[in-house]
């Protein structure tokens, strides 16, 4: 099984499961962040990311996380 196919299947399942829990008054918090891989030289798809903790650009991965919460 190709990993691209597996990733797509996992993402589809997560979206379907999450969509069942989102209501009109659900608060969605979006976190656009990064994970720095300072010593990763041969890792796939490394990109340049802004490391806010260090105040500099480094190699790593972009991360997009969404968290839903009920107001009540």
Protein backbone atom coordinates (compact mmCIF):
# COMPACT_ATOMS: atom_id res chain seq x y z
CA UNK A 1 0.00 0.00 0.00
CA UNK A 2 1.40 3.41 -0.95
CA UNK A 3 1.84 5.86 1.91
CA UNK A 4 0.06 8.62 -0.05
CA UNK A 5 -3.05 6.45 -0.16
CA UNK A 6 -2.83 5.69 3.55
CA UNK A 7 -2.39 9.37 4.43
CA UNK A 8 -5.46 10.28 2.38
CA UNK A 9 -7.54 7.60 4.07
CA UNK A 10 -6.48 8.71 7.56
CA UNK A 11 -7.14 12.38 6.77
CA UNK A 12 -10.60 11.60 5.35
CA UNK A 13 -11.50 9.61 8.46
CA UNK A 14 -10.34 12.40 10.78
CA UNK A 15 -12.32 15.01 8.84
CA UNK A 16 -15.50 12.91 8.93
CA UNK A 17 -15.14 12.22 12.66
CA UNK A 18 -14.44 15.86 13.47
CA UNK A 19 -17.25 17.20 11.27
CA UNK A 20 -19.85 15.25 13.29
CA UNK A 21 -18.82 17.18 16.42
CA UNK A 22 -18.82 20.74 15.01
CA UNK A 23 -21.96 22.78 15.71
CA UNK A 24 -22.97 26.36 14.94
CA UNK A 25 -21.64 27.65 18.28
CA UNK A 26 -18.44 25.54 18.33
CA UNK A 27 -15.32 27.66 18.79
CA UNK A 28 -12.48 26.68 16.44
CA UNK A 29 -8.96 27.74 17.39
CA UNK A 30 -6.38 27.58 14.61
CA UNK A 31 -2.70 27.27 15.45
CA UNK A 32 -0.28 27.92 12.59
CA UNK A 33 3.03 26.83 13.99
CA UNK A 34 6.24 25.05 13.16
CA UNK A 35 8.43 22.23 14.34
CA UNK A 36 12.11 22.95 13.96
CA UNK A 37 14.43 20.11 13.03
CA UNK A 38 17.76 21.73 13.72
CA UNK A 39 19.82 18.61 13.04
CA UNK A 40 17.62 17.11 10.30
CA UNK A 41 19.69 17.20 7.11
CA UNK A 42 18.15 14.43 5.01
CA UNK A 43 14.53 14.42 6.23
CA UNK A 44 11.85 14.58 3.53
CA UNK A 45 10.16 17.89 2.70
CA UNK A 46 12.10 20.09 5.12
CA UNK A 47 11.33 23.76 4.61
CA UNK A 48 12.48 27.05 6.05
CA UNK A 49 10.35 28.02 9.06
CA UNK A 50 10.36 30.98 11.44
CA UNK A 51 11.39 29.83 14.90
CA UNK A 52 9.71 32.39 17.17
CA UNK A 53 11.39 31.00 20.27
CA UNK A 54 14.85 31.63 18.85
CA UNK A 55 13.93 34.62 16.69
CA UNK A 56 15.47 33.14 13.55
CA UNK A 57 14.78 31.11 10.44
CA UNK A 58 15.64 27.41 10.58
CA UNK A 59 14.86 24.12 8.86
CA UNK A 60 11.70 22.29 9.88
CA UNK A 61 8.03 21.67 9.13
CA UNK A 62 4.97 23.89 9.09
CA UNK A 63 2.11 22.71 11.31
CA UNK A 64 -1.58 23.61 11.12
CA UNK A 65 -3.67 22.44 14.07
CA UNK A 66 -7.37 23.09 14.65
CA UNK A 67 -8.98 22.55 18.05
CA UNK A 68 -12.73 22.75 18.60
CA UNK A 69 -14.38 23.55 21.93
CA UNK A 70 -17.91 24.03 23.13
CA UNK A 71 -18.68 27.40 24.73
CA UNK A 72 -20.73 25.82 27.50
